[in-house]
Amino acid sequence: MKQYVEAGKIVNTHGVTGEVKIEVWLDSPAFFKTFKRLFINGAEKKILSAREHKQFIIARLEGVEDLNAAMALKGKTVEILRADARMKDGEFFVQDILGFTVVDEDGHTVGKLVDAFETPASMLYVVRGESEHLIPAVREFILGIDAEKEEIRVHLIEGM
């Protein structure tokens, strides 16, 4: 696994004091706010303040003190250090499980996890095999993830 995890993208500035607007690629803006630092092009930036704004984070970063400095960061990907993430057992970053084989309860291959996206109800996993399946990433359907076998075991229902 990579040492850094892509966490979002700076999509704009906010105000004239150097704040940046970050599109969050992690589970939620609330999870993003738990980090005290991020990395841009490998350079560490301390997060001096962060607040949620819709599905974005408005952040003040160390060394970014005016609009010009914030504009220079627009379009940059921000990363977090994997070691800084406090995750429970069995939790994974989506980018770590992309490409995993998805199998049903009987062990039959459904396909490969090719994408995931957030909906108001839950995250949806996009699985491609003989056909494409959209599987909600909730306990009722995701029975387990085995990182060693690179396998996701799912419960499918008719129409899924």
Protein backbone atom coordinates (compact mmCIF):
# COMPACT_ATOMS: atom_id res chain seq x y z
CA MET A 1 0.00 0.00 0.00
CA LYS A 2 1.12 3.52 -0.74
CA GLN A 3 2.33 5.71 2.10
CA TYR A 4 0.09 8.59 0.98
CA VAL A 5 -3.64 8.53 0.22
CA GLU A 6 -5.23 11.01 -2.17
CA ALA A 7 -7.69 12.91 -0.01
CA GLY A 8 -9.06 15.61 -2.28
CA LYS A 9 -8.40 18.47 -4.65
CA ILE A 10 -8.13 22.20 -4.10
CA VAL A 11 -10.87 23.50 -6.37
CA ASN A 12 -10.85 27.17 -5.50
CA THR A 13 -9.90 29.89 -3.09
CA HIS A 14 -12.25 31.18 -0.42
CA GLY A 15 -12.19 34.84 0.50
CA VAL A 16 -9.09 37.01 0.30
CA THR A 17 -7.14 35.77 3.32
CA GLY A 18 -5.66 32.64 1.74
CA GLU A 19 -8.26 30.01 2.56
CA VAL A 20 -8.74 27.17 0.06
CA LYS A 21 -11.81 25.16 -0.89
CA ILE A 22 -11.07 21.42 -0.97
CA GLU A 23 -13.21 18.83 -2.73
CA VAL A 24 -13.09 15.88 -0.33
CA TRP A 25 -12.40 12.39 -1.73
CA LEU A 26 -12.46 10.64 1.66
CA ASP A 27 -15.58 9.25 3.34
CA SER A 28 -16.74 12.66 4.50
CA PRO A 29 -15.64 16.21 5.21
CA ALA A 30 -15.94 15.35 8.93
CA PHE A 31 -13.35 12.57 8.52
CA PHE A 32 -11.09 14.94 6.57
CA LYS A 33 -11.24 17.43 9.46
CA THR A 34 -9.60 14.90 11.80
CA PHE A 35 -6.26 15.40 10.06
CA LYS A 36 -3.78 17.98 11.30
CA ARG A 37 -1.63 18.00 8.16
CA LEU A 38 -1.78 17.25 4.48
CA PHE A 39 0.69 17.01 1.64
CA ILE A 40 0.77 18.87 -1.67
CA ASN A 41 3.35 17.65 -4.19
CA GLY A 42 5.07 15.86 -1.30
CA ALA A 43 5.40 19.03 0.79
CA GLU A 44 3.79 18.97 4.23
CA LYS A 45 1.28 21.70 5.06
CA LYS A 46 -0.17 21.99 8.55
CA ILE A 47 -3.91 22.56 8.62
CA LEU A 48 -4.40 25.64 10.78
CA SER A 49 -8.19 25.55 10.56
CA ALA A 50 -10.81 23.58 8.68
CA ARG A 51 -14.56 23.82 8.50
CA GLU A 52 -17.20 22.00 6.51
CA HIS A 53 -19.05 23.83 3.76
CA LYS A 54 -21.59 21.56 2.07
CA GLN A 55 -19.48 18.60 0.84
CA PHE A 56 -16.26 20.66 0.85
CA ILE A 57 -13.69 21.77 3.38
CA ILE A 58 -12.66 25.39 3.71
CA ALA A 59 -9.13 25.31 5.12
CA ARG A 60 -6.39 27.67 6.16
CA LEU A 61 -2.99 26.09 5.51
CA GLU A 62 0.39 26.92 6.97
CA GLY A 63 2.32 29.27 4.68
CA VAL A 64 -0.73 30.23 2.61
CA GLU A 65 -1.45 33.73 3.83
CA ASP A 66 -3.06 35.57 0.96
CA LEU A 67 -5.18 35.16 -2.14
CA ASN A 68 -2.18 34.81 -4.47
CA ALA A 69 -0.69 31.96 -2.45
CA ALA A 70 -4.08 30.23 -2.37
CA MET A 71 -4.54 30.70 -6.15
CA ALA A 72 -1.20 28.96 -6.76
CA LEU A 73 -2.64 25.82 -5.14
CA LYS A 74 -5.83 25.69 -7.22
CA GLY A 75 -6.11 22.34 -9.02
CA LYS A 76 -3.58 20.58 -6.77
CA THR A 77 -4.30 17.16 -5.31
CA VAL A 78 -3.98 16.94 -1.54
CA GLU A 79 -2.82 13.77 0.17
CA ILE A 80 -2.79 12.49 3.72
CA LEU A 81 -0.27 10.22 5.32
CA ARG A 82 -1.82 6.76 5.70
CA ALA A 83 -0.28 6.47 9.18
CA ASP A 84 -2.29 9.55 10.28
CA ALA A 85 -5.63 7.87 9.49
CA ARG A 86 -7.48 6.43 12.47
CA MET A 87 -9.42 3.58 10.94
CA LYS A 88 -11.24 0.71 12.60
CA ASP A 89 -10.44 -2.92 11.88
CA GLY A 90 -11.99 -3.92 8.57
CA GLU A 91 -12.18 -0.37 7.21
CA PHE A 92 -10.36 0.45 3.98
CA PHE A 93 -9.80 3.38 1.70
CA VAL A 94 -11.70 2.81 -1.56
CA GLN A 95 -8.51 3.29 -3.59
CA ASP A 96 -7.02 0.33 -1.71
CA ILE A 97 -9.78 -2.09 -2.71
CA LEU A 98 -10.32 -1.03 -6.33
CA GLY A 99 -9.58 -4.03 -8.53
CA PHE A 100 -10.56 -6.55 -5.86
CA THR A 101 -12.54 -9.57 -7.03
CA VAL A 102 -16.16 -9.52 -5.89
CA VAL A 103 -17.78 -12.86 -5.06
CA ASP A 104 -21.26 -13.79 -3.91
CA GLU A 105 -22.15 -15.82 -0.84
CA ASP A 106 -21.62 -19.07 -2.75
CA GLY A 107 -18.15 -18.03 -3.88
CA HIS A 108 -19.15 -17.33 -7.51
CA THR A 109 -17.28 -14.44 -9.12
CA VAL A 110 -19.49 -11.42 -9.73
CA GLY A 111 -16.74 -9.24 -11.22
CA LYS A 112 -14.15 -6.67 -10.21
CA LEU A 113 -14.65 -3.51 -8.17
CA VAL A 114 -13.96 -0.77 -10.73
CA ASP A 115 -15.34 2.36 -9.09
CA ALA A 116 -17.22 3.75 -6.11
CA PHE A 117 -19.25 6.89 -5.67
CA GLU A 118 -21.19 8.58 -2.91
CA THR A 119 -24.98 8.92 -2.96
CA PRO A 120 -27.19 10.50 -0.30
CA ALA A 121 -28.07 7.06 1.08
CA SER A 122 -24.66 5.35 0.95
CA MET A 123 -21.58 4.75 -1.12
CA LEU A 124 -22.20 2.55 -4.17
CA TYR A 125 -19.65 0.07 -5.47
CA VAL A 126 -19.52 -0.38 -9.24
CA VAL A 127 -18.74 -4.03 -10.04
CA ARG A 128 -18.09 -5.18 -13.61
CA GLY A 129 -18.19 -8.77 -14.72
CA GLU A 130 -20.52 -10.35 -17.26
CA SER A 131 -22.79 -7.44 -16.39
CA GLU A 132 -22.47 -4.31 -14.27
CA HIS A 133 -23.74 -4.24 -10.68
CA LEU A 134 -24.25 -1.29 -8.35
CA ILE A 135 -23.91 -2.56 -4.79
CA PRO A 136 -24.57 -0.34 -1.76
CA ALA A 137 -21.55 -0.35 0.55
CA VAL A 138 -23.57 -1.23 3.64
CA ARG A 139 -23.46 -4.24 5.98
CA GLU A 140 -26.56 -5.81 4.44
CA PHE A 141 -24.71 -6.28 1.13
CA ILE A 142 -20.98 -6.15 1.90
CA LEU A 143 -20.37 -9.27 3.96
CA GLY A 144 -16.61 -8.94 4.23
CA ILE A 145 -13.39 -7.70 2.68
CA ASP A 146 -10.31 -9.92 2.67
CA ALA A 147 -7.30 -7.74 1.84
CA GLU A 148 -4.92 -10.72 1.62
CA LYS A 149 -7.09 -12.52 -0.95
CA GLU A 150 -8.05 -9.18 -2.58
CA GLU A 151 -11.66 -10.28 -2.37
CA ILE A 152 -14.97 -8.71 -1.40
CA ARG A 153 -17.81 -11.06 -0.42
CA VAL A 154 -21.29 -9.68 -1.13
CA HIS A 155 -24.94 -10.56 -0.73
CA LEU A 156 -26.81 -9.92 -3.99
CA ILE A 157 -30.55 -9.53 -4.35
CA GLU A 158 -32.67 -9.71 -7.47
CA GLY A 159 -32.29 -6.63 -9.64
CA MET A 160 -28.93 -5.65 -8.23
